[in-house]
N, C-alpha and C. Protein backbone atom coordinates (compact mmCIF):
# COMPACT_ATOMS: atom_id res chain seq x y z
N MET A 1 -28.78 54.98 20.77
CA MET A 1 -30.44 54.85 20.83
C MET A 1 -30.75 53.60 21.67
N SER A 2 -31.49 53.26 22.08
CA SER A 2 -31.97 52.26 22.63
C SER A 2 -32.69 51.53 21.33
N GLN A 3 -32.21 50.21 21.47
CA GLN A 3 -32.77 49.44 20.21
C GLN A 3 -33.94 48.20 21.03
N ARG A 4 -34.81 47.69 20.47
CA ARG A 4 -35.72 46.76 21.27
C ARG A 4 -35.63 45.31 20.31
N CYS A 5 -35.31 44.31 20.97
CA CYS A 5 -34.80 43.14 20.54
C CYS A 5 -36.22 42.52 19.89
N PRO A 6 -35.66 41.83 18.35
CA PRO A 6 -36.73 41.12 18.18
C PRO A 6 -37.20 39.92 19.37
N ALA A 7 -38.34 39.19 18.73
CA ALA A 7 -38.24 38.13 19.66
C ALA A 7 -38.74 36.83 19.14
N PRO A 8 -37.42 35.75 18.51
CA PRO A 8 -37.69 34.71 17.76
C PRO A 8 -38.08 33.52 18.87
N LEU A 9 -39.06 33.03 18.62
CA LEU A 9 -39.85 32.06 19.12
C LEU A 9 -38.98 31.03 19.66
N LEU A 10 -38.48 30.44 20.83
CA LEU A 10 -38.12 29.57 21.47
C LEU A 10 -36.37 29.82 21.30
N LEU A 11 -36.08 31.15 21.53
CA LEU A 11 -34.56 31.31 21.40
C LEU A 11 -34.08 32.04 22.94
N VAL A 12 -33.52 31.58 23.54
CA VAL A 12 -32.94 32.33 24.40
C VAL A 12 -32.07 33.73 24.19
N LEU A 13 -32.89 34.67 24.96
CA LEU A 13 -32.61 35.91 24.64
C LEU A 13 -31.47 36.86 25.68
N LEU A 14 -30.83 35.94 26.43
CA LEU A 14 -29.66 36.53 27.44
C LEU A 14 -29.16 36.97 26.55
N ALA A 15 -28.22 36.97 24.99
CA ALA A 15 -27.68 37.63 24.45
C ALA A 15 -28.11 38.96 24.43
N CYS A 16 -29.51 39.21 24.33
CA CYS A 16 -29.69 40.68 24.00
C CYS A 16 -29.55 41.50 25.63
N LEU A 17 -30.39 40.58 26.63
CA LEU A 17 -29.90 41.03 27.66
C LEU A 17 -28.51 41.57 28.21
N ALA A 18 -27.62 40.83 27.40
CA ALA A 18 -26.06 41.60 27.93
C ALA A 18 -25.65 42.70 27.35
N VAL A 19 -26.26 43.10 26.25
CA VAL A 19 -25.67 44.22 25.43
C VAL A 19 -26.50 45.47 26.12
N ALA A 20 -25.42 46.31 26.94
CA ALA A 20 -25.62 47.66 27.39
C ALA A 20 -26.65 48.62 26.17
N GLY A 21 -28.08 48.98 26.62
CA GLY A 21 -28.38 50.01 25.97
C GLY A 21 -29.49 49.36 25.02
N GLN A 22 -29.71 47.88 24.91
CA GLN A 22 -30.86 47.21 24.24
C GLN A 22 -31.69 47.07 25.04
N VAL A 23 -33.39 47.49 24.88
CA VAL A 23 -34.60 47.14 25.92
C VAL A 23 -35.33 45.95 25.52
N CYS A 24 -34.82 45.04 26.19
CA CYS A 24 -35.48 43.56 25.93
C CYS A 24 -36.94 43.23 26.92
N THR A 25 -37.88 43.85 26.72
CA THR A 25 -39.06 43.22 27.45
C THR A 25 -39.58 42.08 27.85
N LYS A 26 -40.43 41.94 28.97
CA LYS A 26 -40.29 40.11 29.29
C LYS A 26 -41.15 39.94 28.31
N GLU A 27 -41.97 40.45 27.04
CA GLU A 27 -42.56 39.76 26.41
C GLU A 27 -41.46 39.10 25.66
N ASP A 28 -40.29 39.68 25.10
CA ASP A 28 -39.15 39.26 24.47
C ASP A 28 -38.80 37.73 25.00
N PHE A 29 -38.87 37.61 26.39
CA PHE A 29 -37.92 36.35 27.14
C PHE A 29 -38.65 35.02 26.67
N HIS A 30 -37.72 34.40 25.90
CA HIS A 30 -38.08 32.68 26.24
C HIS A 30 -37.08 32.17 26.40
N LEU A 31 -37.15 30.65 26.64
CA LEU A 31 -35.69 30.15 27.37
C LEU A 31 -36.29 29.09 25.74
N GLY A 32 -34.95 28.54 25.07
CA GLY A 32 -35.01 27.35 24.13
C GLY A 32 -35.20 26.02 24.49
N ARG A 33 -35.92 25.25 23.84
CA ARG A 33 -35.87 24.13 23.63
C ARG A 33 -34.78 23.24 23.87
N ASP A 34 -33.43 23.79 22.95
CA ASP A 34 -32.29 23.13 23.21
C ASP A 34 -31.52 23.82 25.01
N VAL A 35 -31.77 24.11 24.96
CA VAL A 35 -31.46 24.82 26.71
C VAL A 35 -31.85 24.06 27.69
N LEU A 36 -33.50 24.39 27.71
CA LEU A 36 -34.25 23.31 28.57
C LEU A 36 -33.37 21.35 28.41
N ARG A 37 -33.68 20.90 27.15
CA ARG A 37 -32.95 19.64 26.77
C ARG A 37 -31.53 19.38 27.69
N LYS A 38 -30.69 20.18 27.16
CA LYS A 38 -29.57 20.44 27.97
C LYS A 38 -29.34 20.50 29.48
N ALA A 39 -30.34 21.05 29.98
CA ALA A 39 -30.37 21.27 31.44
C ALA A 39 -31.39 20.12 31.80
N GLU A 40 -32.21 19.55 31.31
CA GLU A 40 -32.21 18.22 31.96
C GLU A 40 -31.45 17.28 31.75
N ASP A 41 -30.66 16.81 30.50
CA ASP A 41 -29.79 15.69 30.61
C ASP A 41 -28.51 15.93 31.10
N ARG A 42 -28.05 17.41 31.85
CA ARG A 42 -27.13 17.52 32.90
C ARG A 42 -27.67 17.59 34.05
N TYR A 43 -28.52 18.09 34.38
CA TYR A 43 -28.73 18.48 35.81
C TYR A 43 -30.27 17.86 36.41
N GLY A 44 -30.82 17.08 35.80
CA GLY A 44 -32.15 16.25 35.80
C GLY A 44 -33.29 17.50 35.46
N ALA A 45 -34.61 16.81 35.74
CA ALA A 45 -35.82 17.40 35.46
C ALA A 45 -36.03 19.09 36.34
N GLU A 46 -35.60 18.76 37.52
CA GLU A 46 -35.82 20.04 38.62
C GLU A 46 -35.07 20.90 37.75
N ALA A 47 -34.23 21.14 37.49
CA ALA A 47 -33.38 22.48 36.38
C ALA A 47 -34.30 22.93 35.66
N VAL A 48 -34.70 22.09 34.88
CA VAL A 48 -35.84 22.57 34.05
C VAL A 48 -37.18 23.43 34.34
N ASP A 49 -37.41 22.60 35.62
CA ASP A 49 -38.61 23.30 36.46
C ASP A 49 -38.55 24.38 37.12
N ARG A 50 -36.99 24.53 37.58
CA ARG A 50 -36.35 25.86 38.03
C ARG A 50 -36.11 27.23 36.85
N LEU A 51 -35.73 26.58 35.60
CA LEU A 51 -35.79 27.49 34.77
C LEU A 51 -37.18 27.94 33.92
N VAL A 52 -38.07 26.94 33.73
CA VAL A 52 -39.44 26.86 33.43
C VAL A 52 -40.15 28.27 34.54
N ARG A 53 -39.56 28.14 36.22
CA ARG A 53 -40.41 28.93 36.80
C ARG A 53 -39.57 30.49 36.73
N TRP A 54 -38.37 30.75 36.36
CA TRP A 54 -37.70 31.90 36.10
C TRP A 54 -38.72 32.57 35.10
N GLU A 55 -38.75 31.89 33.74
CA GLU A 55 -39.08 32.32 32.52
C GLU A 55 -40.59 32.98 33.02
N ALA A 56 -41.37 31.98 33.68
CA ALA A 56 -42.79 32.59 34.18
C ALA A 56 -42.70 33.90 35.20
N LEU A 57 -41.73 33.87 35.88
CA LEU A 57 -41.56 35.03 37.02
C LEU A 57 -41.48 36.12 36.10
N LEU A 58 -40.66 36.27 34.91
CA LEU A 58 -40.40 36.97 33.84
C LEU A 58 -41.72 37.48 32.99
N ARG A 59 -41.89 36.94 32.71
CA ARG A 59 -43.25 36.64 31.15
C ARG A 59 -44.43 36.98 32.03
N GLY A 60 -45.04 36.56 33.07
CA GLY A 60 -46.00 37.00 34.25
C GLY A 60 -46.10 37.70 34.81
N ASP A 61 -44.76 38.58 35.28
CA ASP A 61 -44.82 39.39 36.11
C ASP A 61 -45.84 40.85 35.78
N ASP A 62 -46.73 41.41 36.92
CA ASP A 62 -47.39 42.60 36.75
C ASP A 62 -47.27 43.60 37.82
N SER A 63 -46.35 43.59 37.74
CA SER A 63 -45.82 44.59 39.20
C SER A 63 -46.06 45.87 38.40
N THR A 64 -46.40 46.67 39.19
CA THR A 64 -46.76 47.94 38.91
C THR A 64 -45.62 49.22 38.90
N SER A 65 -44.60 48.83 40.13
CA SER A 65 -43.43 49.68 40.39
C SER A 65 -41.81 48.77 40.59
N ASP A 66 -40.93 49.49 40.66
CA ASP A 66 -39.76 49.16 40.29
C ASP A 66 -39.25 47.99 41.56
N TYR A 67 -40.42 48.93 42.77
CA TYR A 67 -39.86 47.98 44.31
C TYR A 67 -40.47 46.32 44.36
N GLU A 68 -41.72 46.42 43.76
CA GLU A 68 -42.41 45.15 43.42
C GLU A 68 -41.18 44.17 42.92
N LYS A 69 -40.77 44.90 41.59
CA LYS A 69 -40.18 43.86 40.75
C LYS A 69 -38.85 43.35 41.95
N LEU A 70 -37.84 44.60 42.37
CA LEU A 70 -36.65 44.28 42.85
C LEU A 70 -37.37 43.07 44.07
N GLN A 71 -38.47 43.11 44.75
CA GLN A 71 -38.83 42.21 45.61
C GLN A 71 -38.78 40.70 45.32
N LYS A 72 -39.68 40.46 44.33
CA LYS A 72 -40.33 39.42 43.44
C LYS A 72 -38.95 38.74 42.80
N VAL A 73 -38.04 39.38 42.48
CA VAL A 73 -36.40 39.09 41.67
C VAL A 73 -35.89 38.66 43.16
N ASN A 74 -35.40 39.39 44.21
CA ASN A 74 -34.86 39.10 45.06
C ASN A 74 -35.00 37.79 45.97
N ALA A 75 -36.50 37.65 45.85
CA ALA A 75 -37.10 36.45 46.72
C ALA A 75 -36.92 34.95 46.11
N PHE A 76 -37.17 35.47 44.69
CA PHE A 76 -37.19 34.12 43.81
C PHE A 76 -35.58 33.45 44.05
N PHE A 77 -34.70 34.36 44.08
CA PHE A 77 -33.02 33.76 43.58
C PHE A 77 -32.94 33.47 45.18
N ASN A 78 -33.02 34.62 46.27
CA ASN A 78 -32.46 33.78 47.37
C ASN A 78 -33.28 32.31 47.86
N GLU A 79 -34.59 32.13 47.66
CA GLU A 79 -35.16 31.08 48.29
C GLU A 79 -34.87 29.89 47.18
N THR A 80 -34.58 29.80 45.95
CA THR A 80 -34.37 28.82 45.10
C THR A 80 -32.99 28.54 45.00
N VAL A 81 -31.92 29.10 45.05
CA VAL A 81 -30.69 28.86 44.92
C VAL A 81 -30.03 28.53 46.05
N ARG A 82 -28.74 27.73 46.29
CA ARG A 82 -27.98 27.74 47.41
C ARG A 82 -27.03 28.27 47.36
N PHE A 83 -26.07 28.84 48.48
CA PHE A 83 -24.70 29.53 48.40
C PHE A 83 -23.96 28.33 48.12
N VAL A 84 -22.78 28.19 46.98
CA VAL A 84 -21.96 27.44 47.29
C VAL A 84 -20.65 27.96 46.58
N ASP A 85 -19.34 27.93 47.06
CA ASP A 85 -18.12 28.35 46.36
C ASP A 85 -17.72 28.09 44.96
N ASP A 86 -17.01 29.15 44.22
CA ASP A 86 -16.17 28.41 42.94
C ASP A 86 -15.55 27.30 43.03
N ILE A 87 -14.62 27.42 44.43
CA ILE A 87 -13.75 25.95 44.11
C ILE A 87 -14.39 25.16 44.24
N GLU A 88 -15.74 24.63 45.26
CA GLU A 88 -16.38 23.69 45.32
C GLU A 88 -17.29 23.02 43.68
N LEU A 89 -17.71 24.43 43.20
CA LEU A 89 -18.90 24.07 42.40
C LEU A 89 -18.00 23.71 41.08
N TYR A 90 -17.06 24.65 40.70
CA TYR A 90 -16.44 24.87 39.25
C TYR A 90 -14.59 24.52 39.40
N GLY A 91 -14.15 24.21 40.54
CA GLY A 91 -13.11 23.87 40.43
C GLY A 91 -11.78 25.04 40.32
N VAL A 92 -12.44 25.96 40.05
CA VAL A 92 -11.88 27.49 40.02
C VAL A 92 -12.35 28.46 41.19
N LYS A 93 -10.86 29.68 41.38
CA LYS A 93 -11.26 30.19 42.26
C LYS A 93 -12.10 30.93 42.34
N ASP A 94 -12.45 31.67 40.70
CA ASP A 94 -13.67 32.95 40.77
C ASP A 94 -13.96 32.64 39.19
N TYR A 95 -15.77 32.50 39.16
CA TYR A 95 -16.47 32.13 38.44
C TYR A 95 -17.66 33.15 38.08
N TRP A 96 -17.69 33.72 36.89
CA TRP A 96 -19.14 34.15 37.11
C TRP A 96 -19.90 33.51 35.88
N ALA A 97 -20.89 33.08 37.22
CA ALA A 97 -21.99 32.18 36.07
C ALA A 97 -23.14 32.83 35.74
N THR A 98 -23.53 32.58 34.34
CA THR A 98 -24.93 33.28 34.00
C THR A 98 -25.89 32.82 34.73
N PRO A 99 -27.21 33.23 34.51
CA PRO A 99 -28.46 32.85 35.24
C PRO A 99 -28.88 31.78 34.57
N VAL A 100 -28.65 30.95 33.67
CA VAL A 100 -28.89 30.00 33.31
C VAL A 100 -28.50 28.75 34.18
N GLU A 101 -26.62 29.12 33.94
CA GLU A 101 -25.99 28.12 35.10
C GLU A 101 -26.71 27.94 35.96
N LEU A 102 -26.77 29.46 36.93
CA LEU A 102 -27.03 29.49 38.21
C LEU A 102 -28.20 28.63 38.74
N LEU A 103 -29.19 28.86 37.77
CA LEU A 103 -30.18 27.83 38.23
C LEU A 103 -30.77 26.29 37.45
N ALA A 104 -29.76 26.32 36.58
CA ALA A 104 -29.59 24.60 36.35
C ALA A 104 -28.74 23.83 37.31
N ARG A 105 -27.99 24.46 38.11
CA ARG A 105 -27.24 23.86 38.77
C ARG A 105 -27.61 24.19 40.61
N GLN A 106 -28.45 25.06 40.63
CA GLN A 106 -29.14 25.25 41.80
C GLN A 106 -28.19 26.03 43.08
N ALA A 107 -26.96 26.53 42.40
CA ALA A 107 -26.12 26.86 43.47
C ALA A 107 -25.29 27.63 42.43
N GLY A 108 -24.60 28.62 43.49
CA GLY A 108 -23.70 29.23 43.11
C GLY A 108 -23.20 30.71 44.37
N ASP A 109 -22.64 31.26 44.17
CA ASP A 109 -21.56 32.59 44.94
C ASP A 109 -22.44 33.60 44.75
N CYS A 110 -21.98 34.58 45.55
CA CYS A 110 -22.61 36.13 45.75
C CYS A 110 -22.77 36.98 44.50
N GLU A 111 -21.45 36.36 43.89
CA GLU A 111 -21.33 37.15 42.15
C GLU A 111 -22.68 36.79 41.42
N ASP A 112 -22.88 35.09 41.36
CA ASP A 112 -23.81 34.70 40.39
C ASP A 112 -25.10 35.10 40.59
N PHE A 113 -25.38 35.42 42.46
CA PHE A 113 -26.88 35.94 42.85
C PHE A 113 -27.13 37.39 42.60
N ALA A 114 -25.84 38.48 42.56
CA ALA A 114 -25.96 39.44 41.98
C ALA A 114 -26.17 39.81 40.77
N ILE A 115 -25.33 38.68 39.72
CA ILE A 115 -25.60 38.97 38.31
C ILE A 115 -27.11 38.67 37.58
N ALA A 116 -27.36 37.31 38.40
CA ALA A 116 -29.12 37.05 37.94
C ALA A 116 -29.73 37.73 38.03
N LYS A 117 -29.94 38.46 39.18
CA LYS A 117 -30.81 39.41 39.70
C LYS A 117 -30.63 40.84 38.47
N PHE A 118 -29.59 41.16 38.59
CA PHE A 118 -29.05 42.01 37.30
C PHE A 118 -30.22 42.08 35.95
N PHE A 119 -29.75 40.91 35.69
CA PHE A 119 -30.32 40.55 34.36
C PHE A 119 -32.09 40.30 34.14
N SER A 120 -32.23 39.69 35.32
CA SER A 120 -33.72 39.67 35.34
C SER A 120 -34.30 40.59 35.97
N LEU A 121 -34.07 41.87 36.38
CA LEU A 121 -34.88 42.73 36.75
C LEU A 121 -34.49 44.17 35.69
N LYS A 122 -33.48 43.33 34.58
CA LYS A 122 -33.30 44.47 33.32
C LYS A 122 -34.34 43.84 32.62
N ALA A 123 -34.87 42.47 32.51
CA ALA A 123 -35.84 41.96 31.32
C ALA A 123 -37.04 42.58 31.89
N LEU A 124 -37.57 43.01 33.09
CA LEU A 124 -38.42 43.06 33.46
C LEU A 124 -38.50 44.72 33.25
N GLY A 125 -37.82 45.09 32.30
CA GLY A 125 -38.20 46.86 32.52
C GLY A 125 -37.35 47.80 33.41
N VAL A 126 -36.67 47.52 34.15
CA VAL A 126 -35.96 48.58 35.55
C VAL A 126 -34.73 48.97 34.17
N ALA A 127 -34.54 50.06 34.25
CA ALA A 127 -33.61 50.44 33.65
C ALA A 127 -32.25 50.52 34.05
N GLU A 128 -31.35 50.16 33.16
CA GLU A 128 -30.07 49.83 33.54
C GLU A 128 -29.40 50.50 34.48
N GLU A 129 -29.69 52.01 33.96
CA GLU A 129 -28.77 52.88 34.92
C GLU A 129 -29.14 53.06 36.43
N LYS A 130 -30.26 52.44 36.53
CA LYS A 130 -30.79 52.31 38.10
C LYS A 130 -29.91 51.33 38.92
N LEU A 131 -29.35 50.41 38.04
CA LEU A 131 -28.82 48.81 38.65
C LEU A 131 -27.21 49.05 38.65
N ASN A 132 -26.62 48.04 39.78
CA ASN A 132 -25.08 48.14 39.72
C ASN A 132 -24.78 47.14 40.29
N ILE A 133 -23.76 46.40 40.05
CA ILE A 133 -23.46 45.04 40.77
C ILE A 133 -22.18 45.73 41.19
N THR A 134 -22.66 45.09 42.60
CA THR A 134 -21.64 46.30 43.51
C THR A 134 -20.61 45.43 44.45
N TYR A 135 -19.23 45.59 44.47
CA TYR A 135 -18.27 44.99 45.42
C TYR A 135 -18.04 45.24 46.38
N VAL A 136 -18.10 44.75 47.61
CA VAL A 136 -18.22 45.55 48.99
C VAL A 136 -17.33 44.55 49.83
N LYS A 137 -17.08 44.91 50.65
CA LYS A 137 -16.33 44.11 51.90
C LYS A 137 -17.48 43.66 53.06
N ALA A 138 -17.53 42.25 53.24
CA ALA A 138 -19.01 42.27 54.51
C ALA A 138 -17.96 42.06 55.62
N LEU A 139 -17.81 43.14 56.25
CA LEU A 139 -17.51 43.36 57.33
C LEU A 139 -17.49 42.76 58.63
N GLN A 140 -18.69 42.18 58.73
CA GLN A 140 -18.73 41.01 59.94
C GLN A 140 -18.23 39.97 59.54
N TYR A 141 -17.95 39.54 58.34
CA TYR A 141 -17.46 38.44 57.75
C TYR A 141 -15.87 38.08 57.32
N ASN A 142 -15.67 39.56 57.67
CA ASN A 142 -14.30 39.89 56.66
C ASN A 142 -13.65 39.55 55.87
N MET A 143 -14.67 39.46 54.54
CA MET A 143 -14.38 39.13 53.31
C MET A 143 -14.96 39.65 51.93
N MET A 144 -14.42 39.38 51.00
CA MET A 144 -15.05 40.19 49.97
C MET A 144 -16.38 39.41 49.65
N HIS A 145 -17.44 40.52 49.30
CA HIS A 145 -18.68 40.10 48.49
C HIS A 145 -19.23 40.96 47.42
N MET A 146 -20.27 40.61 46.85
CA MET A 146 -21.00 41.46 45.91
C MET A 146 -22.54 41.07 46.04
N VAL A 147 -23.34 42.31 46.28
CA VAL A 147 -24.42 42.77 45.61
C VAL A 147 -25.03 43.28 44.87
N LEU A 148 -26.15 43.43 44.41
CA LEU A 148 -27.15 44.13 43.53
C LEU A 148 -27.84 45.52 44.41
N THR A 149 -27.18 46.84 43.70
CA THR A 149 -27.54 47.95 43.96
C THR A 149 -28.91 48.49 42.99
N TYR A 150 -30.05 49.38 43.60
CA TYR A 150 -30.55 49.88 43.01
C TYR A 150 -30.82 51.16 43.59
N TYR A 151 -31.06 52.17 42.32
CA TYR A 151 -30.96 53.51 42.60
C TYR A 151 -32.01 54.17 41.86
N SER A 152 -32.93 54.87 43.03
CA SER A 152 -34.62 55.56 41.97
C SER A 152 -34.01 56.12 40.96
N HIS A 153 -32.95 57.21 41.58
CA HIS A 153 -32.72 58.04 40.58
C HIS A 153 -31.01 58.69 40.96
N PRO A 154 -30.58 59.62 40.41
CA PRO A 154 -29.14 59.45 40.04
C PRO A 154 -28.91 60.69 41.34
N GLY A 155 -27.92 60.00 42.37
CA GLY A 155 -27.78 60.47 43.54
C GLY A 155 -28.57 59.86 45.03
N ALA A 156 -29.35 59.02 44.31
CA ALA A 156 -30.08 58.41 45.76
C ALA A 156 -30.14 57.06 46.52
N GLU A 157 -30.12 57.42 47.83
CA GLU A 157 -29.37 56.19 48.37
C GLU A 157 -29.82 54.97 48.00
N PRO A 158 -29.08 53.77 47.72
CA PRO A 158 -29.10 52.88 46.83
C PRO A 158 -29.91 51.86 47.96
N LEU A 159 -30.82 50.71 47.16
CA LEU A 159 -31.30 49.71 48.03
C LEU A 159 -30.07 48.42 47.28
N VAL A 160 -30.03 47.38 48.52
CA VAL A 160 -29.29 46.32 48.51
C VAL A 160 -30.26 45.23 48.15
N LEU A 161 -30.03 44.18 47.24
CA LEU A 161 -30.42 43.16 47.37
C LEU A 161 -28.80 42.07 47.50
N ASP A 162 -29.42 41.56 48.21
CA ASP A 162 -28.01 40.88 49.18
C ASP A 162 -28.50 39.01 49.27
N ASN A 163 -27.95 38.16 48.79
CA ASN A 163 -27.78 36.64 48.78
C ASN A 163 -27.88 36.51 50.55
N LEU A 164 -27.45 37.08 51.28
CA LEU A 164 -26.97 36.91 52.61
C LEU A 164 -27.97 37.52 53.51
N VAL A 165 -28.64 38.12 53.12
CA VAL A 165 -30.13 38.81 54.01
C VAL A 165 -31.38 38.72 52.72
N ASP A 166 -32.46 38.41 53.32
CA ASP A 166 -33.57 38.58 52.15
C ASP A 166 -34.22 39.89 51.95
N GLU A 167 -33.89 40.41 53.15
CA GLU A 167 -35.02 41.70 53.36
C GLU A 167 -34.11 42.94 52.48
N ILE A 168 -34.45 43.91 51.60
CA ILE A 168 -34.03 44.46 50.93
C ILE A 168 -33.87 46.00 51.60
N TYR A 169 -33.14 46.51 52.17
CA TYR A 169 -32.36 47.91 52.62
C TYR A 169 -31.59 48.87 52.50
N PRO A 170 -32.15 49.72 52.37
CA PRO A 170 -31.20 51.29 52.01
C PRO A 170 -29.67 51.10 53.01
N ALA A 171 -28.64 51.07 51.84
CA ALA A 171 -27.50 51.18 51.93
C ALA A 171 -26.99 51.75 53.34
N SER A 172 -28.08 52.73 54.08
CA SER A 172 -27.36 53.21 55.18
C SER A 172 -27.95 52.01 56.45
N ARG A 173 -28.98 51.32 56.51
CA ARG A 173 -29.08 49.99 57.13
C ARG A 173 -28.41 48.99 57.19
N ARG A 174 -27.23 49.18 55.98
CA ARG A 174 -26.02 48.16 56.15
C ARG A 174 -24.62 48.44 56.29
N PRO A 175 -24.43 49.09 57.60
CA PRO A 175 -23.17 49.64 58.01
C PRO A 175 -22.44 48.36 57.89
N ASP A 176 -22.71 47.42 57.80
CA ASP A 176 -21.63 45.85 57.41
C ASP A 176 -21.03 45.57 56.06
N LEU A 177 -21.50 46.22 55.42
CA LEU A 177 -20.85 46.15 54.05
C LEU A 177 -20.18 47.70 53.66
N MET A 178 -18.89 47.53 53.35
CA MET A 178 -17.93 48.73 52.61
C MET A 178 -17.89 48.40 51.10
N PRO A 179 -18.28 49.65 50.62
CA PRO A 179 -18.35 49.70 48.92
C PRO A 179 -17.18 49.47 48.72
N ILE A 180 -16.44 48.94 47.40
CA ILE A 180 -15.51 48.87 46.79
C ILE A 180 -15.54 49.60 45.31
N PHE A 181 -16.30 48.73 44.62
CA PHE A 181 -16.48 49.40 43.48
C PHE A 181 -17.60 48.75 42.79
N SER A 182 -18.25 49.45 41.87
CA SER A 182 -19.31 48.61 41.27
C SER A 182 -19.53 48.99 39.71
N PHE A 183 -20.38 48.34 38.96
CA PHE A 183 -20.51 48.57 37.75
C PHE A 183 -21.44 47.92 36.88
N ASN A 184 -21.97 48.28 35.91
CA ASN A 184 -23.03 47.57 34.89
C ASN A 184 -22.83 47.40 33.21
N GLY A 185 -23.60 47.10 32.76
CA GLY A 185 -22.94 47.43 31.48
C GLY A 185 -22.54 48.70 30.67
N THR A 186 -22.67 49.43 31.32
CA THR A 186 -22.53 50.80 30.45
C THR A 186 -21.12 51.37 31.34
N GLY A 187 -21.01 50.74 32.61
CA GLY A 187 -19.63 51.87 33.45
C GLY A 187 -19.00 50.90 34.49
N LEU A 188 -17.96 51.47 35.07
CA LEU A 188 -17.24 51.24 35.82
C LEU A 188 -17.11 52.30 36.99
N TRP A 189 -17.33 52.06 38.44
CA TRP A 189 -17.59 53.15 38.89
C TRP A 189 -16.81 52.74 40.48
N LEU A 190 -15.64 53.28 40.92
CA LEU A 190 -14.92 53.30 42.49
C LEU A 190 -15.97 53.94 43.69
N ALA A 191 -15.69 53.13 44.35
CA ALA A 191 -16.76 53.87 45.62
C ALA A 191 -16.63 54.96 45.89
N LYS A 192 -17.65 55.57 46.34
CA LYS A 192 -17.26 56.90 47.17
C LYS A 192 -18.65 56.75 48.30
N GLU A 193 -17.92 56.47 49.48
CA GLU A 193 -19.19 56.14 50.19
C GLU A 193 -19.97 55.67 49.97
N ARG A 194 -21.32 55.80 50.03
CA ARG A 194 -22.87 55.07 49.72
C ARG A 194 -23.32 55.19 47.73
N GLY A 195 -22.49 56.48 47.52
CA GLY A 195 -22.93 56.40 46.21
C GLY A 195 -22.22 56.10 44.98
N LYS A 196 -22.32 56.05 43.77
CA LYS A 196 -21.84 55.15 42.77
C LYS A 196 -20.61 55.65 42.57
N GLY A 197 -19.91 56.43 43.31
CA GLY A 197 -18.93 57.30 43.25
C GLY A 197 -18.34 57.71 41.67
N LYS A 198 -16.51 57.50 41.78
CA LYS A 198 -15.98 57.58 40.36
C LYS A 198 -16.06 57.17 39.49
N TYR A 199 -16.52 57.53 38.46
CA TYR A 199 -16.32 56.68 37.14
C TYR A 199 -14.93 56.47 36.53
N ALA A 200 -14.83 55.31 36.45
CA ALA A 200 -13.12 54.67 36.29
C ALA A 200 -12.99 53.84 34.79
N GLY A 201 -14.26 54.30 34.05
CA GLY A 201 -14.14 53.69 32.59
C GLY A 201 -15.03 52.49 32.47
N SER A 202 -14.94 52.16 31.44
CA SER A 202 -16.19 50.99 30.91
C SER A 202 -15.99 49.69 31.63
N SER A 203 -16.62 49.00 32.04
CA SER A 203 -17.17 47.81 32.55
C SER A 203 -16.52 46.31 32.04
N SER A 204 -15.91 46.59 30.47
CA SER A 204 -15.28 45.81 29.48
C SER A 204 -13.96 45.75 30.14
N ARG A 205 -13.23 46.36 31.34
CA ARG A 205 -11.92 46.40 31.67
C ARG A 205 -12.12 45.20 32.78
N LEU A 206 -13.22 44.61 33.08
CA LEU A 206 -13.23 43.31 33.81
C LEU A 206 -13.17 41.92 33.01
N LYS A 207 -12.45 41.12 33.14
CA LYS A 207 -12.44 40.25 32.08
C LYS A 207 -13.53 39.01 32.53
N ALA A 208 -13.76 39.05 33.58
CA ALA A 208 -14.60 38.50 34.20
C ALA A 208 -16.34 38.52 33.70
N TRP A 209 -16.58 39.59 33.86
CA TRP A 209 -17.48 40.32 33.05
C TRP A 209 -17.90 40.19 31.57
N GLY A 210 -16.74 40.39 30.64
CA GLY A 210 -16.38 39.96 29.24
C GLY A 210 -16.86 38.50 28.84
N ASP A 211 -15.71 37.68 29.72
CA ASP A 211 -16.56 36.14 29.70
C ASP A 211 -17.65 35.94 29.91
N LEU A 212 -18.20 36.28 30.92
CA LEU A 212 -20.02 36.28 31.38
C LEU A 212 -20.78 36.77 30.00
N LEU A 213 -20.59 37.84 29.19
CA LEU A 213 -21.46 38.18 28.52
C LEU A 213 -21.23 37.34 27.40
N GLN A 214 -20.23 36.83 26.70
CA GLN A 214 -19.44 35.78 25.74
C GLN A 214 -20.43 34.81 25.97
N ARG A 215 -20.42 34.21 27.24
CA ARG A 215 -21.29 32.54 27.20
C ARG A 215 -22.91 33.39 27.36
N MET A 216 -23.06 34.10 27.99
CA MET A 216 -24.67 34.54 27.67
C MET A 216 -25.00 34.57 26.05
N ALA A 217 -23.87 35.29 25.53
CA ALA A 217 -24.29 35.27 23.44
C ALA A 217 -24.18 33.53 23.41
N ASP A 218 -23.48 33.02 23.80
CA ASP A 218 -23.17 31.55 22.93
C ASP A 218 -24.20 30.69 24.12
N ASN A 219 -24.70 31.01 24.56
CA ASN A 219 -25.99 30.09 25.38
C ASN A 219 -25.48 29.63 26.38
N ALA A 220 -24.45 29.57 26.50
CA ALA A 220 -23.64 28.34 27.47
C ALA A 220 -24.17 28.24 28.56
N LEU A 221 -24.05 26.44 28.94
CA LEU A 221 -24.98 25.78 30.09
C LEU A 221 -24.00 24.95 30.95
């Protein structure tokens, strides 16, 4: 059964968003003073501005359709954040940043973009079962890549939100991407053509996902 999160003032409710099945509305979303203070101390006033603009995007959204929400969130992150790989940014080969970490640094790689869009859309009320973080091979660049996919209904052709391409296209118009697997807070699927594919168990099997959720719960920055 879905649970609605309480809205304690001036707390970061990313922990709520991190729990599968919980419903956290845009009205629930507040950035805490401690988080903003730490962001300013470490990354300057511009980091605070980015975080406040993100909060305003989520709390002030008046979209009437999922597609409008997809467009707003995709544009916000693609325009606000620059791509930097994990080795340069964190000194490790693979690190999945929280949305707060991504915006505070104004930099991240493809996983970070997809994750931030996922949690932002979830905060805007897009049903989690419509959203998948999808691991693909970018054939044009011969490299592994991550995007967010949106399914309007079970079995629908997904729309692709990609930090490399600003436009949102259906998967059939992205032949440059070969899906490998996808996941969200409720499960993990092996790719099968352009659909969700075969269920492969809980997303908790992904250590990086578990580490990310813990840092979100801890409000890490």
